N, C-alpha and C. Protein backbone atom coordinates (compact mmCIF):
# COMPACT_ATOMS: atom_id res chain seq x y z
N MET A 1 -15.44 12.61 -12.47
CA MET A 1 -14.62 11.98 -11.46
C MET A 1 -13.19 11.90 -11.97
N LEU A 2 -12.29 12.49 -11.22
CA LEU A 2 -10.87 12.47 -11.56
C LEU A 2 -10.23 11.24 -10.92
N LYS A 3 -9.58 10.44 -11.73
CA LYS A 3 -8.95 9.21 -11.24
C LYS A 3 -7.44 9.41 -11.21
N LYS A 4 -6.84 9.25 -10.02
CA LYS A 4 -5.39 9.36 -9.88
C LYS A 4 -4.70 8.17 -10.51
N THR A 5 -3.49 8.40 -10.99
CA THR A 5 -2.65 7.34 -11.54
C THR A 5 -2.17 6.44 -10.40
N LEU A 6 -2.06 5.15 -10.69
CA LEU A 6 -1.56 4.17 -9.72
C LEU A 6 -0.12 3.85 -10.08
N GLU A 7 0.76 3.93 -9.10
CA GLU A 7 2.17 3.59 -9.33
C GLU A 7 2.62 2.57 -8.30
N TRP A 8 3.38 1.58 -8.76
CA TRP A 8 3.84 0.47 -7.93
C TRP A 8 5.29 0.68 -7.54
N LEU A 9 5.62 0.52 -6.27
CA LEU A 9 7.00 0.65 -5.80
C LEU A 9 7.59 -0.73 -5.54
N GLY A 10 8.88 -0.86 -5.82
CA GLY A 10 9.58 -2.11 -5.55
C GLY A 10 8.91 -3.29 -6.22
N ASP A 11 8.75 -4.36 -5.48
CA ASP A 11 8.15 -5.59 -6.01
C ASP A 11 6.68 -5.72 -5.66
N SER A 12 6.04 -4.60 -5.30
CA SER A 12 4.67 -4.67 -4.81
C SER A 12 3.69 -5.26 -5.83
N ARG A 13 3.86 -4.94 -7.10
CA ARG A 13 2.95 -5.47 -8.12
C ARG A 13 3.14 -6.97 -8.28
N ARG A 14 4.39 -7.42 -8.33
CA ARG A 14 4.67 -8.85 -8.45
C ARG A 14 4.14 -9.60 -7.23
N ALA A 15 4.35 -9.02 -6.04
CA ALA A 15 3.88 -9.67 -4.82
C ALA A 15 2.36 -9.81 -4.83
N LEU A 16 1.67 -8.74 -5.23
CA LEU A 16 0.20 -8.80 -5.27
C LEU A 16 -0.27 -9.85 -6.27
N SER A 17 0.44 -9.99 -7.38
CA SER A 17 0.03 -10.96 -8.40
C SER A 17 0.19 -12.40 -7.91
N SER A 18 0.93 -12.61 -6.83
CA SER A 18 1.09 -13.95 -6.27
C SER A 18 0.01 -14.29 -5.24
N PHE A 19 -0.81 -13.30 -4.87
CA PHE A 19 -1.89 -13.53 -3.91
C PHE A 19 -3.02 -14.34 -4.58
N PRO A 20 -3.83 -15.03 -3.78
CA PRO A 20 -5.00 -15.73 -4.35
C PRO A 20 -5.92 -14.75 -5.08
N ALA A 21 -6.59 -15.21 -6.13
CA ALA A 21 -7.42 -14.35 -6.97
C ALA A 21 -8.45 -13.52 -6.19
N PRO A 22 -9.18 -14.09 -5.22
CA PRO A 22 -10.14 -13.25 -4.48
C PRO A 22 -9.47 -12.12 -3.69
N ILE A 23 -8.27 -12.37 -3.20
CA ILE A 23 -7.52 -11.34 -2.47
C ILE A 23 -7.08 -10.26 -3.47
N GLN A 24 -6.58 -10.68 -4.63
CA GLN A 24 -6.20 -9.72 -5.66
C GLN A 24 -7.38 -8.83 -6.03
N ASP A 25 -8.55 -9.43 -6.16
CA ASP A 25 -9.75 -8.66 -6.52
C ASP A 25 -10.10 -7.63 -5.46
N GLU A 26 -10.06 -8.05 -4.19
CA GLU A 26 -10.39 -7.13 -3.10
C GLU A 26 -9.39 -5.97 -3.02
N VAL A 27 -8.10 -6.30 -3.09
CA VAL A 27 -7.07 -5.27 -3.02
C VAL A 27 -7.17 -4.35 -4.25
N GLY A 28 -7.40 -4.93 -5.41
CA GLY A 28 -7.55 -4.13 -6.63
C GLY A 28 -8.70 -3.15 -6.53
N TYR A 29 -9.82 -3.60 -6.00
CA TYR A 29 -10.97 -2.72 -5.84
C TYR A 29 -10.68 -1.62 -4.81
N ALA A 30 -10.00 -1.98 -3.72
CA ALA A 30 -9.63 -1.00 -2.71
C ALA A 30 -8.70 0.07 -3.30
N LEU A 31 -7.77 -0.36 -4.15
CA LEU A 31 -6.86 0.60 -4.79
C LEU A 31 -7.61 1.48 -5.79
N TYR A 32 -8.57 0.90 -6.50
CA TYR A 32 -9.40 1.70 -7.41
C TYR A 32 -10.15 2.79 -6.62
N LEU A 33 -10.74 2.41 -5.49
CA LEU A 33 -11.44 3.39 -4.66
C LEU A 33 -10.49 4.51 -4.22
N ALA A 34 -9.26 4.15 -3.87
CA ALA A 34 -8.28 5.16 -3.48
C ALA A 34 -8.00 6.10 -4.66
N GLN A 35 -7.95 5.56 -5.86
CA GLN A 35 -7.69 6.37 -7.05
C GLN A 35 -8.79 7.40 -7.29
N VAL A 36 -10.02 7.07 -6.91
CA VAL A 36 -11.13 7.99 -7.14
C VAL A 36 -11.49 8.78 -5.88
N GLY A 37 -10.61 8.71 -4.87
CA GLY A 37 -10.79 9.53 -3.68
C GLY A 37 -11.66 8.95 -2.59
N GLU A 38 -11.92 7.66 -2.65
CA GLU A 38 -12.72 7.00 -1.63
C GLU A 38 -11.85 6.01 -0.85
N LYS A 39 -12.46 5.37 0.16
CA LYS A 39 -11.70 4.44 1.00
C LYS A 39 -12.50 3.16 1.18
N HIS A 40 -11.87 2.04 0.91
CA HIS A 40 -12.47 0.71 1.09
C HIS A 40 -12.62 0.42 2.58
N ALA A 41 -13.60 -0.38 2.93
CA ALA A 41 -13.85 -0.73 4.34
C ALA A 41 -12.66 -1.43 4.99
N SER A 42 -11.86 -2.15 4.20
CA SER A 42 -10.72 -2.88 4.78
C SER A 42 -9.45 -2.04 4.83
N ALA A 43 -9.49 -0.78 4.39
CA ALA A 43 -8.32 0.10 4.41
C ALA A 43 -8.29 0.89 5.72
N LYS A 44 -7.19 0.75 6.44
CA LYS A 44 -7.02 1.43 7.73
C LYS A 44 -5.70 2.20 7.74
N PRO A 45 -5.66 3.33 8.45
CA PRO A 45 -4.40 4.09 8.54
C PRO A 45 -3.31 3.27 9.24
N MET A 46 -2.08 3.39 8.73
CA MET A 46 -0.93 2.79 9.40
C MET A 46 -0.28 3.88 10.24
N HIS A 47 -0.40 3.77 11.53
CA HIS A 47 0.09 4.79 12.43
C HIS A 47 1.62 4.78 12.50
N GLY A 48 2.20 5.97 12.64
CA GLY A 48 3.64 6.10 12.78
C GLY A 48 4.40 6.18 11.47
N LEU A 49 3.69 6.19 10.33
CA LEU A 49 4.37 6.24 9.04
C LEU A 49 4.04 7.50 8.26
N GLY A 50 3.29 8.39 8.85
CA GLY A 50 2.92 9.63 8.18
C GLY A 50 1.46 9.61 7.76
N ALA A 51 0.93 10.78 7.52
CA ALA A 51 -0.47 10.91 7.12
C ALA A 51 -0.69 10.29 5.75
N GLY A 52 -1.83 9.70 5.57
CA GLY A 52 -2.21 9.17 4.26
C GLY A 52 -1.60 7.84 3.90
N VAL A 53 -0.94 7.15 4.84
CA VAL A 53 -0.40 5.82 4.57
C VAL A 53 -1.44 4.82 5.09
N MET A 54 -1.96 4.01 4.16
CA MET A 54 -3.06 3.11 4.47
C MET A 54 -2.67 1.65 4.25
N GLU A 55 -3.26 0.78 5.04
CA GLU A 55 -3.03 -0.66 4.89
C GLU A 55 -4.35 -1.33 4.56
N ILE A 56 -4.34 -2.12 3.50
CA ILE A 56 -5.50 -2.94 3.14
C ILE A 56 -5.24 -4.32 3.71
N ALA A 57 -6.14 -4.79 4.55
CA ALA A 57 -6.01 -6.11 5.17
C ALA A 57 -7.05 -7.04 4.56
N SER A 58 -6.60 -8.18 4.07
CA SER A 58 -7.50 -9.15 3.47
C SER A 58 -7.05 -10.56 3.88
N ASN A 59 -8.00 -11.38 4.23
CA ASN A 59 -7.69 -12.72 4.73
C ASN A 59 -8.52 -13.77 3.98
N ASP A 60 -7.96 -14.95 3.86
CA ASP A 60 -8.72 -16.10 3.39
C ASP A 60 -8.14 -17.34 4.06
N ALA A 61 -8.58 -18.50 3.63
CA ALA A 61 -8.13 -19.75 4.27
C ALA A 61 -6.63 -19.96 4.15
N SER A 62 -6.00 -19.36 3.14
CA SER A 62 -4.56 -19.56 2.96
C SER A 62 -3.70 -18.57 3.74
N GLY A 63 -4.32 -17.58 4.38
CA GLY A 63 -3.55 -16.67 5.20
C GLY A 63 -4.02 -15.24 5.19
N ALA A 64 -3.18 -14.39 5.77
CA ALA A 64 -3.46 -12.95 5.88
C ALA A 64 -2.57 -12.21 4.89
N PHE A 65 -3.17 -11.31 4.13
CA PHE A 65 -2.45 -10.57 3.11
C PHE A 65 -2.62 -9.08 3.35
N ARG A 66 -1.57 -8.33 3.04
CA ARG A 66 -1.59 -6.89 3.28
C ARG A 66 -1.04 -6.15 2.06
N ALA A 67 -1.61 -4.99 1.80
CA ALA A 67 -1.08 -4.08 0.78
C ALA A 67 -1.08 -2.69 1.42
N VAL A 68 0.01 -1.97 1.24
CA VAL A 68 0.16 -0.64 1.83
C VAL A 68 0.26 0.37 0.69
N TYR A 69 -0.53 1.44 0.81
CA TYR A 69 -0.49 2.47 -0.21
C TYR A 69 -0.54 3.84 0.44
N THR A 70 -0.20 4.86 -0.35
CA THR A 70 -0.31 6.23 0.15
C THR A 70 -0.93 7.11 -0.93
N VAL A 71 -1.74 8.04 -0.49
CA VAL A 71 -2.35 9.03 -1.38
C VAL A 71 -1.86 10.42 -1.03
N ALA A 72 -0.98 10.52 -0.03
CA ALA A 72 -0.59 11.82 0.50
C ALA A 72 0.74 12.34 -0.03
N ILE A 73 1.37 11.62 -0.91
CA ILE A 73 2.67 12.04 -1.46
C ILE A 73 2.48 12.24 -2.96
N GLY A 74 2.67 13.45 -3.42
CA GLY A 74 2.51 13.72 -4.84
C GLY A 74 1.05 13.61 -5.26
N ALA A 75 0.84 13.45 -6.56
CA ALA A 75 -0.52 13.46 -7.12
C ALA A 75 -0.98 12.07 -7.55
N LYS A 76 -0.29 11.03 -7.10
CA LYS A 76 -0.62 9.66 -7.50
C LYS A 76 -0.99 8.84 -6.27
N VAL A 77 -1.51 7.64 -6.54
CA VAL A 77 -1.67 6.63 -5.50
C VAL A 77 -0.48 5.70 -5.67
N TYR A 78 0.34 5.59 -4.64
CA TYR A 78 1.52 4.75 -4.67
C TYR A 78 1.28 3.48 -3.86
N VAL A 79 1.45 2.33 -4.49
CA VAL A 79 1.39 1.06 -3.77
C VAL A 79 2.81 0.82 -3.26
N VAL A 80 2.97 0.95 -1.96
CA VAL A 80 4.29 0.93 -1.35
C VAL A 80 4.81 -0.49 -1.15
N HIS A 81 3.92 -1.40 -0.72
CA HIS A 81 4.37 -2.76 -0.39
C HIS A 81 3.15 -3.68 -0.37
N ALA A 82 3.36 -4.94 -0.72
CA ALA A 82 2.34 -5.98 -0.62
C ALA A 82 3.03 -7.24 -0.12
N PHE A 83 2.39 -7.90 0.84
CA PHE A 83 3.03 -9.08 1.42
C PHE A 83 2.00 -9.97 2.09
N GLN A 84 2.40 -11.23 2.29
CA GLN A 84 1.60 -12.15 3.07
C GLN A 84 2.13 -12.12 4.48
N LYS A 85 1.25 -11.92 5.42
CA LYS A 85 1.65 -11.87 6.83
C LYS A 85 1.86 -13.30 7.31
N LYS A 86 3.07 -13.59 7.72
CA LYS A 86 3.43 -14.96 8.11
C LYS A 86 3.18 -15.24 9.59
N SER A 87 3.23 -14.20 10.41
CA SER A 87 3.10 -14.38 11.85
C SER A 87 1.72 -14.91 12.21
N LYS A 88 1.69 -15.88 13.07
CA LYS A 88 0.41 -16.46 13.51
C LYS A 88 -0.09 -15.82 14.80
N VAL A 89 0.78 -15.04 15.45
CA VAL A 89 0.37 -14.40 16.70
C VAL A 89 0.44 -12.89 16.56
N GLY A 90 -0.50 -12.22 17.17
CA GLY A 90 -0.50 -10.77 17.15
C GLY A 90 -1.10 -10.21 15.88
N VAL A 91 -1.54 -8.97 15.97
CA VAL A 91 -2.16 -8.34 14.81
C VAL A 91 -1.26 -7.31 14.16
N SER A 92 -0.15 -7.00 14.83
CA SER A 92 0.72 -5.95 14.29
C SER A 92 1.51 -6.45 13.08
N THR A 93 1.86 -5.49 12.22
CA THR A 93 2.65 -5.79 11.04
C THR A 93 4.08 -6.12 11.48
N PRO A 94 4.66 -7.21 10.98
CA PRO A 94 6.01 -7.61 11.38
C PRO A 94 7.05 -6.52 11.10
N ALA A 95 8.03 -6.40 11.98
CA ALA A 95 9.06 -5.37 11.88
C ALA A 95 9.79 -5.36 10.53
N PRO A 96 10.16 -6.52 9.96
CA PRO A 96 10.85 -6.47 8.66
C PRO A 96 9.98 -5.83 7.56
N GLU A 97 8.67 -6.06 7.62
CA GLU A 97 7.77 -5.47 6.63
C GLU A 97 7.67 -3.95 6.85
N ILE A 98 7.62 -3.54 8.11
CA ILE A 98 7.59 -2.10 8.43
C ILE A 98 8.86 -1.43 7.93
N ASP A 99 10.00 -2.11 8.07
CA ASP A 99 11.28 -1.56 7.58
C ASP A 99 11.23 -1.32 6.07
N VAL A 100 10.70 -2.29 5.32
CA VAL A 100 10.57 -2.13 3.86
C VAL A 100 9.68 -0.93 3.55
N ILE A 101 8.56 -0.82 4.25
CA ILE A 101 7.62 0.28 4.02
C ILE A 101 8.30 1.62 4.32
N ARG A 102 8.99 1.71 5.44
CA ARG A 102 9.68 2.96 5.80
C ARG A 102 10.72 3.36 4.74
N GLN A 103 11.52 2.39 4.29
CA GLN A 103 12.55 2.67 3.29
C GLN A 103 11.93 3.15 1.98
N ARG A 104 10.88 2.50 1.53
CA ARG A 104 10.24 2.90 0.27
C ARG A 104 9.57 4.26 0.40
N LEU A 105 8.95 4.54 1.54
CA LEU A 105 8.33 5.86 1.74
C LEU A 105 9.38 6.96 1.76
N LYS A 106 10.50 6.70 2.42
CA LYS A 106 11.58 7.69 2.47
C LYS A 106 12.09 8.00 1.07
N ARG A 107 12.34 6.96 0.29
CA ARG A 107 12.83 7.14 -1.08
C ARG A 107 11.79 7.88 -1.93
N LEU A 108 10.52 7.52 -1.78
CA LEU A 108 9.45 8.17 -2.54
C LEU A 108 9.35 9.65 -2.18
N ARG A 109 9.39 9.96 -0.90
CA ARG A 109 9.31 11.37 -0.48
C ARG A 109 10.47 12.18 -1.05
N GLU A 110 11.67 11.60 -1.06
CA GLU A 110 12.84 12.28 -1.63
C GLU A 110 12.67 12.51 -3.13
N GLU A 111 12.19 11.49 -3.84
CA GLU A 111 12.00 11.62 -5.29
C GLU A 111 10.97 12.69 -5.63
N VAL A 112 9.85 12.70 -4.90
CA VAL A 112 8.80 13.69 -5.16
C VAL A 112 9.31 15.09 -4.83
N ARG A 113 10.06 15.23 -3.73
CA ARG A 113 10.64 16.52 -3.35
C ARG A 113 11.59 17.02 -4.44
N ASN A 114 12.43 16.12 -4.96
CA ASN A 114 13.37 16.48 -6.02
C ASN A 114 12.66 16.87 -7.30
N GLU A 115 11.57 16.19 -7.64
CA GLU A 115 10.79 16.53 -8.84
C GLU A 115 10.21 17.94 -8.71
N ARG A 116 9.72 18.28 -7.53
CA ARG A 116 9.14 19.61 -7.30
C ARG A 116 10.21 20.70 -7.41
N ASN A 117 11.42 20.38 -6.95
CA ASN A 117 12.51 21.35 -7.00
C ASN A 117 13.05 21.54 -8.41
N ASP A 118 12.78 20.57 -9.30
CA ASP A 118 13.25 20.68 -10.69
C ASP A 118 12.41 21.65 -11.52
N PHE A 119 11.24 22.03 -11.04
CA PHE A 119 10.37 22.93 -11.82
C PHE A 119 10.66 24.37 -11.53
């Protein structure tokens, strides 16, 4: 079994470390599954952000937590963003969080493209 390297973008690792321990465990296991080419039951595609961009949704009594990762850019699993969903209405990801995800994905795609051009 080939395990992909996990790379954290922006403050995603710090944000995840602030989540409650059971949420950290669930997200960590979901990311491990992504590294070995599988998909956790709570991981769903994020539409409109490109192929291979997935959102892990986890909830507990303290709130709703999300982690976004991609396996479709380069040869690694990139954790793009992690956040606590503050909105009490609706199921969609808040626009400011989508903006952060879009910006980080754009930067990541440019970096990977530049790395490929350097060879």
